Amino acid sequence: MNRVKVMILGALSCAAAISPSVWAAECPAYLQGEYRKLHASESANLCELLNGKSALVINTASHCGFTPQFEALEAVHQQYKDKGLVVVGFASDAFKQAAKSEEEAATICYTNYGVTFTMLAPTEVTGDNANALFRWLADETEEPGWNFNKYVINGKTGEVTHFGSSAKPDSDKVVQAIEAAL
């Protein structure tokens, strides 16, 4: 009996020691890869950050008429982070509204608007060079037509709800989509 118990415990400890690359095979292709965080040397692994979790993904720009939405995005992050929502901003210059440097973009996000959710360094969000996540989001719904498009991803079903730039992050329709995803 003890021998069986030891064998089972040994098998469990081996399973716990499986490398992250093995688990990555279970992660969808559109989430695989590392993205550098805004104005930082650290990176975020989207598989670890988003796989199986409900999320609000936004393409952002620092010098856009919608930039004040950072305040509402942060409020949504604070309200729903303990309920399982992950908020991720992708800095982008797709519409020529970005800051001149990452340092300036970081100041706008972190200092001016108090952003604490994950902000990623500039990446492509439109066209053939869009990052894998935004290519998938475009296939599921539509490509961003401007800055501050919002995508609510239901972590259980994979369903995506898209909202354009003018939809405020704390509007009734966005909040309803977030709550349905949780």
C-alpha atoms as a PDB file:
ATOM      1  CA  MET A   1       0.000   0.000   0.000  1.00  0.00           C
ATOM      2  CA  ASN A   2       2.774   2.459   0.880  1.00  0.00           C
ATOM      3  CA  ARG A   3       4.568   1.603  -2.357  1.00  0.00           C
ATOM      4  CA  VAL A   4       1.481   2.570  -4.394  1.00  0.00           C
ATOM      5  CA  LYS A   5       1.156   5.810  -2.452  1.00  0.00           C
ATOM      6  CA  VAL A   6       4.814   6.673  -3.139  1.00  0.00           C
ATOM      7  CA  MET A   7       4.359   5.938  -6.853  1.00  0.00           C
ATOM      8  CA  ILE A   8       1.309   8.197  -7.064  1.00  0.00           C
ATOM      9  CA  LEU A   9       3.052  11.006  -5.192  1.00  0.00           C
ATOM     10  CA  GLY A  10       6.092  10.630  -7.458  1.00  0.00           C
ATOM     11  CA  ALA A  11       3.909  10.865 -10.554  1.00  0.00           C
ATOM     12  CA  LEU A  12       2.207  13.984  -9.190  1.00  0.00           C
ATOM     13  CA  SER A  13       5.515  15.695  -8.477  1.00  0.00           C
ATOM     14  CA  CYS A  14       6.715  14.857 -12.008  1.00  0.00           C
ATOM     15  CA  ALA A  15       3.533  16.373 -13.451  1.00  0.00           C
ATOM     16  CA  ALA A  16       4.104  19.529 -11.407  1.00  0.00           C
ATOM     17  CA  ALA A  17       7.618  19.795 -12.816  1.00  0.00           C
ATOM     18  CA  ILE A  18       6.500  19.907 -16.469  1.00  0.00           C
ATOM     19  CA  SER A  19       8.200  22.821 -18.171  1.00  0.00           C
ATOM     20  CA  PRO A  20       6.230  25.908 -19.245  1.00  0.00           C
ATOM     21  CA  SER A  21       7.010  25.103 -22.895  1.00  0.00           C
ATOM     22  CA  VAL A  22       4.928  21.925 -22.615  1.00  0.00           C
ATOM     23  CA  TRP A  23       2.010  23.933 -21.235  1.00  0.00           C
ATOM     24  CA  ALA A  24       2.469  26.495 -24.045  1.00  0.00           C
ATOM     25  CA  ALA A  25       1.356  23.811 -26.502  1.00  0.00           C
ATOM     26  CA  GLU A  26      -2.094  24.070 -24.880  1.00  0.00           C
ATOM     27  CA  CYS A  27      -2.167  27.819 -25.382  1.00  0.00           C
ATOM     28  CA  PRO A  28      -3.751  29.086 -28.629  1.00  0.00           C
ATOM     29  CA  ALA A  29      -1.303  30.356 -31.251  1.00  0.00           C
ATOM     30  CA  TYR A  30      -2.688  33.893 -31.069  1.00  0.00           C
ATOM     31  CA  LEU A  31      -1.544  34.185 -27.444  1.00  0.00           C
ATOM     32  CA  GLN A  32       1.882  32.624 -27.815  1.00  0.00           C
ATOM     33  CA  GLY A  33       4.878  34.884 -27.516  1.00  0.00           C
ATOM     34  CA  GLU A  34       6.442  37.434 -25.266  1.00  0.00           C
ATOM     35  CA  TYR A  35       5.571  41.126 -25.462  1.00  0.00           C
ATOM     36  CA  ARG A  36       7.783  43.699 -23.835  1.00  0.00           C
ATOM     37  CA  LYS A  37       6.069  45.885 -21.275  1.00  0.00           C
ATOM     38  CA  LEU A  38       5.868  49.606 -21.952  1.00  0.00           C
ATOM     39  CA  HIS A  39       9.161  51.387 -21.211  1.00  0.00           C
ATOM     40  CA  ALA A  40      10.549  48.366 -19.375  1.00  0.00           C
ATOM     41  CA  SER A  41      12.922  45.475 -19.901  1.00  0.00           C
ATOM     42  CA  GLU A  42      10.412  42.960 -18.504  1.00  0.00           C
ATOM     43  CA  SER A  43       8.055  41.157 -20.800  1.00  0.00           C
ATOM     44  CA  ALA A  44       4.599  39.639 -20.505  1.00  0.00           C
ATOM     45  CA  ASN A  45       3.751  36.174 -21.723  1.00  0.00           C
ATOM     46  CA  LEU A  46       0.207  36.394 -23.087  1.00  0.00           C
ATOM     47  CA  CYS A  47      -0.394  32.674 -22.536  1.00  0.00           C
ATOM     48  CA  GLU A  48       0.261  33.128 -18.832  1.00  0.00           C
ATOM     49  CA  LEU A  49      -1.547  36.457 -18.669  1.00  0.00           C
ATOM     50  CA  LEU A  50      -4.682  35.717 -20.713  1.00  0.00           C
ATOM     51  CA  ASN A  51      -5.169  32.025 -21.519  1.00  0.00           C
ATOM     52  CA  GLY A  52      -8.531  30.919 -20.115  1.00  0.00           C
ATOM     53  CA  LYS A  53      -9.148  34.288 -18.457  1.00  0.00           C
ATOM     54  CA  SER A  54     -11.649  36.970 -19.332  1.00  0.00           C
ATOM     55  CA  ALA A  55      -9.955  40.072 -20.633  1.00  0.00           C
ATOM     56  CA  LEU A  56     -10.398  43.606 -21.855  1.00  0.00           C
ATOM     57  CA  VAL A  57      -7.828  44.295 -24.588  1.00  0.00           C
ATOM     58  CA  ILE A  58      -7.326  47.818 -25.936  1.00  0.00           C
ATOM     59  CA  ASN A  59      -5.154  49.416 -28.607  1.00  0.00           C
ATOM     60  CA  THR A  60      -3.950  52.705 -27.168  1.00  0.00           C
ATOM     61  CA  ALA A  61      -2.211  55.907 -28.206  1.00  0.00           C
ATOM     62  CA  SER A  62      -0.839  58.723 -26.082  1.00  0.00           C
ATOM     63  CA  HIS A  63      -1.865  61.753 -28.136  1.00  0.00           C
ATOM     64  CA  CYS A  64      -5.396  60.942 -29.203  1.00  0.00           C
ATOM     65  CA  GLY A  65      -8.707  62.526 -28.347  1.00  0.00           C
ATOM     66  CA  PHE A  66      -9.607  59.244 -26.642  1.00  0.00           C
ATOM     67  CA  THR A  67      -6.474  59.144 -24.446  1.00  0.00           C
ATOM     68  CA  PRO A  68      -8.474  60.321 -21.375  1.00  0.00           C
ATOM     69  CA  GLN A  69     -10.167  56.893 -21.513  1.00  0.00           C
ATOM     70  CA  PHE A  70      -7.108  55.619 -19.616  1.00  0.00           C
ATOM     71  CA  GLU A  71      -8.798  56.935 -16.471  1.00  0.00           C
ATOM     72  CA  ALA A  72     -11.944  54.853 -17.024  1.00  0.00           C
ATOM     73  CA  LEU A  73      -9.876  51.832 -18.108  1.00  0.00           C
ATOM     74  CA  GLU A  74      -8.001  51.994 -14.820  1.00  0.00           C
ATOM     75  CA  ALA A  75     -11.292  52.286 -12.900  1.00  0.00           C
ATOM     76  CA  VAL A  76     -12.635  49.197 -14.726  1.00  0.00           C
ATOM     77  CA  HIS A  77      -9.387  47.379 -13.943  1.00  0.00           C
ATOM     78  CA  GLN A  78      -9.680  48.239 -10.241  1.00  0.00           C
ATOM     79  CA  GLN A  79     -13.360  47.270 -10.120  1.00  0.00           C
ATOM     80  CA  TYR A  80     -13.019  43.883 -11.833  1.00  0.00           C
ATOM     81  CA  LYS A  81      -9.451  42.625 -11.280  1.00  0.00           C
ATOM     82  CA  ASP A  82     -10.421  40.658  -8.165  1.00  0.00           C
ATOM     83  CA  LYS A  83     -13.317  39.104 -10.092  1.00  0.00           C
ATOM     84  CA  GLY A  84     -10.923  37.732 -12.710  1.00  0.00           C
ATOM     85  CA  LEU A  85     -10.766  40.387 -15.451  1.00  0.00           C
ATOM     86  CA  VAL A  86      -7.365  41.046 -17.006  1.00  0.00           C
ATOM     87  CA  VAL A  87      -6.945  44.449 -18.679  1.00  0.00           C
ATOM     88  CA  VAL A  88      -4.154  44.777 -21.256  1.00  0.00           C
ATOM     89  CA  GLY A  89      -3.283  47.853 -23.277  1.00  0.00           C
ATOM     90  CA  PHE A  90      -1.284  47.583 -26.481  1.00  0.00           C
ATOM     91  CA  ALA A  91       0.471  50.834 -27.298  1.00  0.00           C
ATOM     92  CA  SER A  92       0.403  51.438 -31.033  1.00  0.00           C
ATOM     93  CA  ASP A  93       1.177  54.083 -33.583  1.00  0.00           C
ATOM     94  CA  ALA A  94      -1.173  52.592 -36.185  1.00  0.00           C
ATOM     95  CA  PHE A  95      -3.015  55.900 -36.460  1.00  0.00           C
ATOM     96  CA  LYS A  96      -0.057  58.247 -35.911  1.00  0.00           C
ATOM     97  CA  GLN A  97      -1.178  59.404 -32.472  1.00  0.00           C
ATOM     98  CA  ALA A  98       1.598  57.863 -30.336  1.00  0.00           C
ATOM     99  CA  ALA A  99       4.045  59.659 -28.108  1.00  0.00           C
ATOM    100  CA  LYS A 100       7.473  60.404 -29.575  1.00  0.00           C
ATOM    101  CA  SER A 101       9.119  57.961 -27.137  1.00  0.00           C
ATOM    102  CA  GLU A 102       8.165  55.101 -24.858  1.00  0.00           C
ATOM    103  CA  GLU A 103       9.314  57.200 -21.924  1.00  0.00           C
ATOM    104  CA  GLU A 104       6.760  59.864 -22.828  1.00  0.00           C
ATOM    105  CA  ALA A 105       4.039  57.224 -23.363  1.00  0.00           C
ATOM    106  CA  ALA A 106       4.858  55.683 -19.983  1.00  0.00           C
ATOM    107  CA  THR A 107       4.615  59.086 -18.300  1.00  0.00           C
ATOM    108  CA  ILE A 108       1.212  59.677 -19.871  1.00  0.00           C
ATOM    109  CA  CYS A 109      -0.072  56.235 -18.842  1.00  0.00           C
ATOM    110  CA  TYR A 110       1.482  55.754 -15.427  1.00  0.00           C
ATOM    111  CA  THR A 111       1.893  59.299 -14.115  1.00  0.00           C
ATOM    112  CA  ASN A 112      -0.870  61.286 -15.785  1.00  0.00           C
ATOM    113  CA  TYR A 113      -3.567  58.574 -15.622  1.00  0.00           C
ATOM    114  CA  GLY A 114      -2.331  56.276 -12.836  1.00  0.00           C
ATOM    115  CA  VAL A 115      -2.475  53.137 -14.993  1.00  0.00           C
ATOM    116  CA  THR A 116      -1.622  49.945 -13.094  1.00  0.00           C
ATOM    117  CA  PHE A 117      -2.940  47.386 -15.602  1.00  0.00           C
ATOM    118  CA  THR A 118      -0.506  45.781 -18.045  1.00  0.00           C
ATOM    119  CA  MET A 119       0.633  48.136 -20.780  1.00  0.00           C
ATOM    120  CA  LEU A 120       2.739  46.706 -23.572  1.00  0.00           C
ATOM    121  CA  ALA A 121       5.374  48.413 -25.713  1.00  0.00           C
ATOM    122  CA  PRO A 122       4.313  49.648 -29.146  1.00  0.00           C
ATOM    123  CA  THR A 123       3.264  46.919 -31.533  1.00  0.00           C
ATOM    124  CA  GLU A 124       1.326  46.679 -34.767  1.00  0.00           C
ATOM    125  CA  VAL A 125      -2.435  46.197 -34.334  1.00  0.00           C
ATOM    126  CA  THR A 126      -3.648  46.543 -37.928  1.00  0.00           C
ATOM    127  CA  GLY A 127      -2.867  45.073 -41.311  1.00  0.00           C
ATOM    128  CA  ASP A 128      -0.579  42.227 -42.293  1.00  0.00           C
ATOM    129  CA  ASN A 129       1.990  43.131 -39.640  1.00  0.00           C
ATOM    130  CA  ALA A 130      -0.497  43.131 -36.745  1.00  0.00           C
ATOM    131  CA  ASN A 131       0.558  41.041 -33.785  1.00  0.00           C
ATOM    132  CA  ALA A 132      -1.036  37.580 -33.535  1.00  0.00           C
ATOM    133  CA  LEU A 133      -3.629  38.606 -30.932  1.00  0.00           C
ATOM    134  CA  PHE A 134      -4.905  41.553 -32.966  1.00  0.00           C
ATOM    135  CA  ARG A 135      -5.002  39.453 -36.159  1.00  0.00           C
ATOM    136  CA  TRP A 136      -7.201  36.970 -34.266  1.00  0.00           C
ATOM    137  CA  LEU A 137      -9.371  39.749 -32.808  1.00  0.00           C
ATOM    138  CA  ALA A 138      -9.853  41.170 -36.318  1.00  0.00           C
ATOM    139  CA  ASP A 139     -10.835  37.719 -37.611  1.00  0.00           C
ATOM    140  CA  GLU A 140     -13.298  37.245 -34.737  1.00  0.00           C
ATOM    141  CA  THR A 141     -14.818  40.737 -34.891  1.00  0.00           C
ATOM    142  CA  GLU A 142     -13.136  43.596 -36.724  1.00  0.00           C
ATOM    143  CA  GLU A 143      -9.801  45.332 -36.997  1.00  0.00           C
ATOM    144  CA  PRO A 144      -9.341  48.539 -35.003  1.00  0.00           C
ATOM    145  CA  GLY A 145     -10.449  51.501 -37.083  1.00  0.00           C
ATOM    146  CA  TRP A 146      -8.822  53.947 -34.678  1.00  0.00           C
ATOM    147  CA  ASN A 147      -7.219  54.090 -31.237  1.00  0.00           C
ATOM    148  CA  PHE A 148      -8.945  52.792 -28.107  1.00  0.00           C
ATOM    149  CA  ASN A 149     -10.918  49.938 -29.627  1.00  0.00           C
ATOM    150  CA  LYS A 150     -12.000  47.615 -26.861  1.00  0.00           C
ATOM    151  CA  TYR A 151     -12.250  43.837 -27.100  1.00  0.00           C
ATOM    152  CA  VAL A 152     -13.907  41.889 -24.291  1.00  0.00           C
ATOM    153  CA  ILE A 153     -12.798  38.266 -24.436  1.00  0.00           C
ATOM    154  CA  ASN A 154     -14.813  35.669 -22.532  1.00  0.00           C
ATOM    155  CA  GLY A 155     -12.210  33.344 -21.033  1.00  0.00           C
ATOM    156  CA  LYS A 156     -14.643  30.426 -20.805  1.00  0.00           C
ATOM    157  CA  THR A 157     -16.175  30.523 -24.271  1.00  0.00           C
ATOM    158  CA  GLY A 158     -13.609  32.457 -26.315  1.00  0.00           C
ATOM    159  CA  GLU A 159     -16.365  34.788 -27.507  1.00  0.00           C
ATOM    160  CA  VAL A 160     -15.171  38.300 -28.339  1.00  0.00           C
ATOM    161  CA  THR A 161     -17.242  41.468 -28.167  1.00  0.00           C
ATOM    162  CA  HIS A 162     -15.848  44.514 -29.939  1.00  0.00           C
ATOM    163  CA  PHE A 163     -16.429  48.154 -29.064  1.00  0.00           C
ATOM    164  CA  GLY A 164     -15.141  51.100 -31.079  1.00  0.00           C
ATOM    165  CA  SER A 165     -13.203  54.098 -29.880  1.00  0.00           C
ATOM    166  CA  SER A 166     -16.189  56.140 -28.775  1.00  0.00           C
ATOM    167  CA  ALA A 167     -17.503  53.431 -26.417  1.00  0.00           C
ATOM    168  CA  LYS A 168     -16.360  54.461 -22.965  1.00  0.00           C
ATOM    169  CA  PRO A 169     -14.766  51.645 -20.946  1.00  0.00           C
ATOM    170  CA  ASP A 170     -17.199  52.221 -18.079  1.00  0.00           C
ATOM    171  CA  SER A 171     -20.305  52.592 -20.286  1.00  0.00           C
ATOM    172  CA  ASP A 172     -23.271  50.329 -19.608  1.00  0.00           C
ATOM    173  CA  LYS A 173     -22.738  48.268 -22.773  1.00  0.00           C
ATOM    174  CA  VAL A 174     -19.036  47.628 -22.104  1.00  0.00           C
ATOM    175  CA  VAL A 175     -19.652  46.842 -18.433  1.00  0.00           C
ATOM    176  CA  GLN A 176     -22.467  44.430 -19.383  1.00  0.00           C
ATOM    177  CA  ALA A 177     -20.096  42.592 -21.753  1.00  0.00           C
ATOM    178  CA  ILE A 178     -17.415  42.439 -19.038  1.00  0.00           C
ATOM    179  CA  GLU A 179     -19.862  41.099 -16.447  1.00  0.00           C
ATOM    180  CA  ALA A 180     -21.201  38.511 -18.914  1.00  0.00           C
ATOM    181  CA  ALA A 181     -17.618  37.377 -19.587  1.00  0.00           C
ATOM    182  CA  LEU A 182     -16.934  36.921 -15.899  1.00  0.00           C
END
